[in-house]
Amino acid sequence: MDRMVQTALSSITGLKDLKFDLANNLANANVPGFRRDLPNEGSAGFLSSLNQATARIFPLETGERFFSSETGQLENTGVETDVALLNGAYLFIQPPDGDLALSRRGDFGVDTENRLVDGVGNLVLSDGLQPIVLPPFSAMKFSDNGEVLVRQPGALPGDFTSVGFLGSVSPPAEGLTKSLDGQIRNFDGSIPDADQSGLFAQGVLEGSNVNAIEEMVFNMDMQRQFEINVKLIKQAEEIDKSGTKLMSLPT
């Protein structure tokens, strides 16, 4: 009986973790380039005491935190600082308070130090993993291979100057995970070497790959599972009370 209750409680604990992932996905559904978090594979195990399994059971998580690598919907914005990756490559970024990471966020801008940044202030890095510092310019272009070109004041309409290349890499999806800060890196916290495999499109922005409808359906399914586990615990309580009542009958 205790095992049945503990199993139900373990399932409820697992559902709580899934709820966290689901809430995070929905909260980032409108973030450009966001990658949907996937449920972590896991199981449950009983504690052992003196080589005998006890009634205490706990959820066991296995493996790393994975995310969906599906491409988000592409939107033609016409904004010259919006850039989308058309293949499975990633950009290199330097978060303000963290180690180098990978990203697909392409809503670019320029900070107060004339450095290229994304929509949340992460520095967008070059193929040499250095910040891209822009000179004064009146127009900007991004080539399909990631070259950053600007037209400086006084230059002719078609006269653009190259200021570097967007750093990019196409690592195997199964070799990447999300760190505790939510950034994408290798399992050991490092980042792969740049291979400049990115294919870029200017004036286009990739949305997140979160499907809000699927997430809501998943949420309803988890709610049903929660209700089933609660009913299981109540049923175990009733069975336990019935057993106690039978044991207390006079002999």
Foldseek 3Di string as FASTA:
>chain_A
DLLLLQVLVQLVVLLVVVVVQLVVCVVQQFAFQAWRWDRFDWAKDFDDDPNHGDSHMHIGTDDATATDQDFFDKDQQQDQQFKFWPDSKWFWWADPPDHIFTTGARQWDADPQQWIAGPVRIFFAFLVRHTQHDDAADHWHAAQLFWIWGHHPPHDPPDIDTRGGTFMDRDPSVQWHQDPVRGIDGPVRHHDRTPSPTTMDGSMTTGYRDDNVVSVVVVVVSVVSSVVSVVSNVVVVVVVVVVVVVVPDDD
